[in-house]
C-alpha atoms as a PDB file:
ATOM      1  CA  MET A   1     118.101 104.691  88.206  1.00  0.00           C
ATOM      2  CA  SER A   2     120.246 101.976  89.630  1.00  0.00           C
ATOM      3  CA  LYS A   3     120.302  98.340  88.648  1.00  0.00           C
ATOM      4  CA  MET A   4     118.552  95.676  90.687  1.00  0.00           C
ATOM      5  CA  GLY A   5     120.495  95.275  93.914  1.00  0.00           C
ATOM      6  CA  THR A   6     121.720  92.075  95.463  1.00  0.00           C
ATOM      7  CA  GLY A   7     118.960  92.239  98.076  1.00  0.00           C
ATOM      8  CA  ALA A   8     116.243  92.160  95.427  1.00  0.00           C
ATOM      9  CA  PHE A   9     118.045  89.383  93.550  1.00  0.00           C
ATOM     10  CA  TRP A  10     118.311  87.161  96.641  1.00  0.00           C
ATOM     11  CA  GLY A  11     114.725  88.020  97.571  1.00  0.00           C
ATOM     12  CA  ILE A  12     113.501  86.723  94.222  1.00  0.00           C
ATOM     13  CA  ILE A  13     115.637  83.577  94.581  1.00  0.00           C
ATOM     14  CA  LEU A  14     114.186  82.911  98.053  1.00  0.00           C
ATOM     15  CA  ILE A  15     110.640  83.420  96.751  1.00  0.00           C
ATOM     16  CA  ILE A  16     111.264  80.902  93.962  1.00  0.00           C
ATOM     17  CA  ILE A  17     112.706  78.375  96.434  1.00  0.00           C
ATOM     18  CA  GLY A  18     109.728  78.896  98.750  1.00  0.00           C
ATOM     19  CA  LEU A  19     107.255  78.385  95.905  1.00  0.00           C
ATOM     20  CA  SER A  20     109.031  75.181  94.876  1.00  0.00           C
ATOM     21  CA  ILE A  21     108.754  73.873  98.450  1.00  0.00           C
ATOM     22  CA  ILE A  22     105.027  74.673  98.521  1.00  0.00           C
ATOM     23  CA  ILE A  23     104.519  72.896  95.170  1.00  0.00           C
ATOM     24  CA  LYS A  24     106.463  69.898  96.514  1.00  0.00           C
ATOM     25  CA  ILE A  25     104.390  69.676  99.714  1.00  0.00           C
ATOM     26  CA  ILE A  26     100.914  70.412  98.330  1.00  0.00           C
ATOM     27  CA  PHE A  27     101.019  68.755  94.907  1.00  0.00           C
ATOM     28  CA  ASN A  28     103.814  66.236  95.566  1.00  0.00           C
ATOM     29  CA  ILE A  29     105.653  67.436  92.458  1.00  0.00           C
ATOM     30  CA  ASP A  30     109.421  67.351  92.649  1.00  0.00           C
ATOM     31  CA  PHE A  31     110.602  70.642  91.170  1.00  0.00           C
ATOM     32  CA  PRO A  32     114.394  70.584  90.597  1.00  0.00           C
ATOM     33  CA  ILE A  33     114.877  74.255  91.483  1.00  0.00           C
ATOM     34  CA  PHE A  34     118.673  74.202  91.772  1.00  0.00           C
ATOM     35  CA  LYS A  35     119.111  72.539  88.364  1.00  0.00           C
ATOM     36  CA  ILE A  36     116.787  75.115  86.812  1.00  0.00           C
ATOM     37  CA  LEU A  37     118.634  78.010  88.505  1.00  0.00           C
ATOM     38  CA  ILE A  38     121.959  76.688  87.189  1.00  0.00           C
ATOM     39  CA  ALA A  39     120.449  76.386  83.698  1.00  0.00           C
ATOM     40  CA  PHE A  40     119.156  79.973  83.836  1.00  0.00           C
ATOM     41  CA  PHE A  41     122.571  81.139  85.032  1.00  0.00           C
ATOM     42  CA  PHE A  42     124.248  79.551  81.996  1.00  0.00           C
ATOM     43  CA  ILE A  43     121.620  81.031  79.655  1.00  0.00           C
ATOM     44  CA  TYR A  44     122.178  84.452  81.232  1.00  0.00           C
ATOM     45  CA  LEU A  45     125.942  84.071  80.952  1.00  0.00           C
ATOM     46  CA  GLY A  46     125.668  83.053  77.274  1.00  0.00           C
ATOM     47  CA  LEU A  47     123.423  86.009  76.427  1.00  0.00           C
ATOM     48  CA  LYS A  48     125.760  88.363  78.259  1.00  0.00           C
ATOM     49  CA  ILE A  49     128.759  87.084  76.265  1.00  0.00           C
ATOM     50  CA  LEU A  50     126.882  87.263  72.934  1.00  0.00           C
ATOM     51  CA  LEU A  51     125.280  90.673  73.403  1.00  0.00           C
ATOM     52  CA  GLY A  52     127.875  92.375  75.600  1.00  0.00           C
ATOM     53  CA  ASN A  53     126.982  95.547  77.470  1.00  0.00           C
ATOM     54  CA  SER A  54     123.717  96.012  75.577  1.00  0.00           C
ATOM     55  CA  PHE A  55     122.191  93.062  77.499  1.00  0.00           C
ATOM     56  CA  LYS A  56     120.672  94.496  80.702  1.00  0.00           C
ATOM     57  CA  PRO A  57     117.883  92.190  81.907  1.00  0.00           C
ATOM     58  CA  PHE A  58     117.468  93.705  85.381  1.00  0.00           C
ATOM     59  CA  GLN A  59     117.578  97.355  84.453  1.00  0.00           C
ATOM     60  CA  PRO A  60     114.808  99.308  86.176  1.00  0.00           C
ATOM     61  CA  ILE A  61     111.774  99.975  84.027  1.00  0.00           C
ATOM     62  CA  SER A  62     110.147 103.271  84.858  1.00  0.00           C
ATOM     63  CA  ASN A  63     107.826 105.236  82.641  1.00  0.00           C
ATOM     64  CA  ASP A  64     105.154 107.782  83.462  1.00  0.00           C
ATOM     65  CA  HIS A  65     103.081 105.581  85.774  1.00  0.00           C
ATOM     66  CA  ASN A  66     104.828 102.190  85.942  1.00  0.00           C
ATOM     67  CA  ILE A  67     107.765 101.297  88.166  1.00  0.00           C
ATOM     68  CA  LEU A  68     109.502  97.927  87.930  1.00  0.00           C
ATOM     69  CA  PHE A  69     112.722  97.261  89.910  1.00  0.00           C
ATOM     70  CA  GLY A  70     113.148 100.978  90.537  1.00  0.00           C
ATOM     71  CA  GLU A  71     112.205 104.020  92.560  1.00  0.00           C
ATOM     72  CA  LYS A  72     110.348 107.187  91.642  1.00  0.00           C
ATOM     73  CA  VAL A  73     108.976 110.291  93.357  1.00  0.00           C
ATOM     74  CA  PHE A  74     105.744 111.882  92.090  1.00  0.00           C
ATOM     75  CA  LEU A  75     105.211 115.526  93.051  1.00  0.00           C
ATOM     76  CA  LYS A  76     101.945 116.290  91.252  1.00  0.00           C
ATOM     77  CA  PRO A  77      98.890 114.028  91.228  1.00  0.00           C
ATOM     78  CA  GLU A  78      97.664 113.061  87.787  1.00  0.00           C
ATOM     79  CA  LYS A  79      94.550 111.106  86.977  1.00  0.00           C
ATOM     80  CA  GLY A  80      95.274 107.521  86.118  1.00  0.00           C
ATOM     81  CA  GLU A  81      96.679 104.246  87.320  1.00  0.00           C
ATOM     82  CA  TYR A  82     100.107 103.746  88.883  1.00  0.00           C
ATOM     83  CA  ASN A  83     101.787 100.325  89.107  1.00  0.00           C
ATOM     84  CA  VAL A  84     104.659  99.649  91.522  1.00  0.00           C
ATOM     85  CA  ILE A  85     106.166  96.169  91.080  1.00  0.00           C
ATOM     86  CA  PHE A  86     109.342  95.173  92.955  1.00  0.00           C
ATOM     87  CA  GLY A  87     110.027  98.864  93.504  1.00  0.00           C
ATOM     88  CA  LYS A  88     109.209 101.944  95.545  1.00  0.00           C
ATOM     89  CA  ALA A  89     107.090 104.993  94.804  1.00  0.00           C
ATOM     90  CA  VAL A  90     106.712 108.139  96.873  1.00  0.00           C
ATOM     91  CA  PHE A  91     103.701 110.329  96.129  1.00  0.00           C
ATOM     92  CA  ASP A  92     104.686 113.640  97.742  1.00  0.00           C
ATOM     93  CA  PHE A  93     101.617 115.824  97.216  1.00  0.00           C
ATOM     94  CA  GLN A  94     102.072 118.062 100.271  1.00  0.00           C
ATOM     95  CA  HIS A  95     103.009 121.130  98.173  1.00  0.00           C
ATOM     96  CA  PHE A  96     100.419 120.520  95.442  1.00  0.00           C
ATOM     97  CA  ARG A  97      97.916 123.306  94.748  1.00  0.00           C
ATOM     98  CA  PRO A  98      95.200 122.520  92.160  1.00  0.00           C
ATOM     99  CA  ASP A  99      94.296 124.831  89.307  1.00  0.00           C
ATOM    100  CA  SER A 100      90.750 126.123  89.454  1.00  0.00           C
ATOM    101  CA  SER A 101      90.336 125.493  85.711  1.00  0.00           C
ATOM    102  CA  VAL A 102      90.980 121.753  86.047  1.00  0.00           C
ATOM    103  CA  ASP A 103      88.585 119.142  87.434  1.00  0.00           C
ATOM    104  CA  SER A 104      88.127 119.430  91.167  1.00  0.00           C
ATOM    105  CA  VAL A 105      88.268 115.631  91.694  1.00  0.00           C
ATOM    106  CA  ILE A 106      91.469 113.764  90.858  1.00  0.00           C
ATOM    107  CA  ASP A 107      91.015 109.968  90.684  1.00  0.00           C
ATOM    108  CA  ILE A 108      94.172 107.925  91.272  1.00  0.00           C
ATOM    109  CA  LYS A 109      94.574 104.140  91.409  1.00  0.00           C
ATOM    110  CA  ILE A 110      97.780 102.702  92.889  1.00  0.00           C
ATOM    111  CA  ASN A 111      98.667  99.007  92.533  1.00  0.00           C
ATOM    112  CA  THR A 112     101.594  97.862  94.679  1.00  0.00           C
ATOM    113  CA  ILE A 113     102.911  94.328  94.187  1.00  0.00           C
ATOM    114  CA  PHE A 114     106.040  93.164  96.050  1.00  0.00           C
ATOM    115  CA  GLY A 115     106.905  96.818  96.604  1.00  0.00           C
ATOM    116  CA  ALA A 116     106.280  99.903  98.696  1.00  0.00           C
ATOM    117  CA  SER A 117     104.191 103.001  98.095  1.00  0.00           C
ATOM    118  CA  GLU A 118     104.194 106.016 100.360  1.00  0.00           C
ATOM    119  CA  MET A 119     101.793 108.929 100.023  1.00  0.00           C
ATOM    120  CA  ILE A 120     102.227 112.309 101.697  1.00  0.00           C
ATOM    121  CA  LEU A 121      98.900 114.115 101.539  1.00  0.00           C
ATOM    122  CA  PRO A 122      98.380 117.886 101.336  1.00  0.00           C
ATOM    123  CA  ARG A 123      96.794 119.414 104.431  1.00  0.00           C
ATOM    124  CA  ASP A 124      94.401 121.779 102.652  1.00  0.00           C
ATOM    125  CA  ILE A 125      92.878 119.392 100.098  1.00  0.00           C
ATOM    126  CA  GLN A 126      90.260 116.832 100.975  1.00  0.00           C
ATOM    127  CA  ALA A 127      91.394 113.239 100.406  1.00  0.00           C
ATOM    128  CA  LYS A 128      89.408 110.021 100.221  1.00  0.00           C
ATOM    129  CA  ILE A 129      91.422 106.793 100.306  1.00  0.00           C
ATOM    130  CA  GLU A 130      90.103 103.256  99.873  1.00  0.00           C
ATOM    131  CA  ALA A 131      92.760 100.595 100.269  1.00  0.00           C
ATOM    132  CA  SER A 132      92.734  96.818 100.179  1.00  0.00           C
ATOM    133  CA  ALA A 133      95.597  94.524 101.082  1.00  0.00           C
ATOM    134  CA  VAL A 134      96.419  90.840 100.679  1.00  0.00           C
ATOM    135  CA  PHE A 135      99.556  89.622 102.492  1.00  0.00           C
ATOM    136  CA  GLY A 136     100.573  93.257 102.804  1.00  0.00           C
ATOM    137  CA  GLU A 137      99.999  96.483 104.684  1.00  0.00           C
ATOM    138  CA  ALA A 138      97.732  99.420 103.991  1.00  0.00           C
ATOM    139  CA  ARG A 139      98.104 102.163 106.608  1.00  0.00           C
ATOM    140  CA  MET A 140      95.945 105.293 106.683  1.00  0.00           C
ATOM    141  CA  PRO A 141      96.715 108.710 108.255  1.00  0.00           C
ATOM    142  CA  SER A 142      94.045 108.007 110.890  1.00  0.00           C
ATOM    143  CA  GLY A 143      95.952 104.942 112.076  1.00  0.00           C
ATOM    144  CA  ASN A 144      93.656 102.376 110.447  1.00  0.00           C
ATOM    145  CA  THR A 145      95.518  99.454 108.920  1.00  0.00           C
ATOM    146  CA  ALA A 146      94.691  96.398 106.850  1.00  0.00           C
ATOM    147  CA  SER A 147      96.707  93.260 106.207  1.00  0.00           C
ATOM    148  CA  PHE A 148      93.894  91.164 104.788  1.00  0.00           C
ATOM    149  CA  GLY A 149      90.858  93.093 103.678  1.00  0.00           C
ATOM    150  CA  SER A 150      90.206  96.757 103.207  1.00  0.00           C
ATOM    151  CA  THR A 151      90.266 100.052 105.049  1.00  0.00           C
ATOM    152  CA  SER A 152      89.288 103.590 104.171  1.00  0.00           C
ATOM    153  CA  TYR A 153      90.032 107.169 105.117  1.00  0.00           C
ATOM    154  CA  LEU A 154      88.196 110.418 104.513  1.00  0.00           C
ATOM    155  CA  GLY A 155      90.078 113.586 105.324  1.00  0.00           C
ATOM    156  CA  ASP A 156      88.058 116.094 107.319  1.00  0.00           C
ATOM    157  CA  THR A 157      89.432 119.165 105.569  1.00  0.00           C
ATOM    158  CA  THR A 158      86.638 121.032 103.798  1.00  0.00           C
ATOM    159  CA  THR A 159      88.475 124.274 103.040  1.00  0.00           C
ATOM    160  CA  SER A 160      88.937 123.324  99.390  1.00  0.00           C
ATOM    161  CA  ASP A 161      86.639 122.200  96.617  1.00  0.00           C
ATOM    162  CA  SER A 162      89.405 119.959  95.286  1.00  0.00           C
ATOM    163  CA  MET A 163      89.527 116.320  96.272  1.00  0.00           C
ATOM    164  CA  LEU A 164      91.974 113.465  95.829  1.00  0.00           C
ATOM    165  CA  ASN A 165      90.101 110.193  95.331  1.00  0.00           C
ATOM    166  CA  ILE A 166      92.628 107.383  95.816  1.00  0.00           C
ATOM    167  CA  ARG A 167      92.163 103.638  95.388  1.00  0.00           C
ATOM    168  CA  ALA A 168      95.137 101.550  96.575  1.00  0.00           C
ATOM    169  CA  ASP A 169      95.552  97.794  96.133  1.00  0.00           C
ATOM    170  CA  VAL A 170      98.475  96.055  97.844  1.00  0.00           C
ATOM    171  CA  VAL A 171      99.707  92.482  97.354  1.00  0.00           C
ATOM    172  CA  PHE A 172     102.836  91.366  99.264  1.00  0.00           C
ATOM    173  CA  GLY A 173     103.832  94.999  99.815  1.00  0.00           C
ATOM    174  CA  SER A 174     102.976  98.140 101.697  1.00  0.00           C
ATOM    175  CA  PHE A 175     100.997 101.322 101.131  1.00  0.00           C
ATOM    176  CA  ILE A 176     101.404 104.048 103.734  1.00  0.00           C
ATOM    177  CA  ALA A 177      99.491 107.329 103.642  1.00  0.00           C
ATOM    178  CA  ARG A 178     100.328 110.152 105.988  1.00  0.00           C
END
């Protein structure tokens, strides 16, 4: 995994500046953003000098189902909840073949916040997707999209008893299923 890139860093800075402008306009509160950013820079610099190379505040965090400031590819669907925050996840299930001994319905929940999630569905397994988006994009294989609100998709393949049941929530990001 690579460290947070300069694009993500400047994106976060621009978001903070934008939020301070909104707070200034709506609540008439003067938020000294540049003074605070300079203070955080000096705190960061001090911690870096004290702790040396062991101090890595923007290192990607990625465990089994959570991605923060990183990227990950999932090749086999597992029941559970996946969280993608300031990162990217690719769910490549096109070569997945379910075991007959395991449950025939696999429930997956994907939360994408300030990130991107892409899902490649298998052609011979029925898939049901319910997605909702707020300030984001949820795009289904049928072409349905949602920016505010929800959309759904039900695959018409009935050759298999197995089914992927997917719930996707997107906030300031994108979820694309194909």
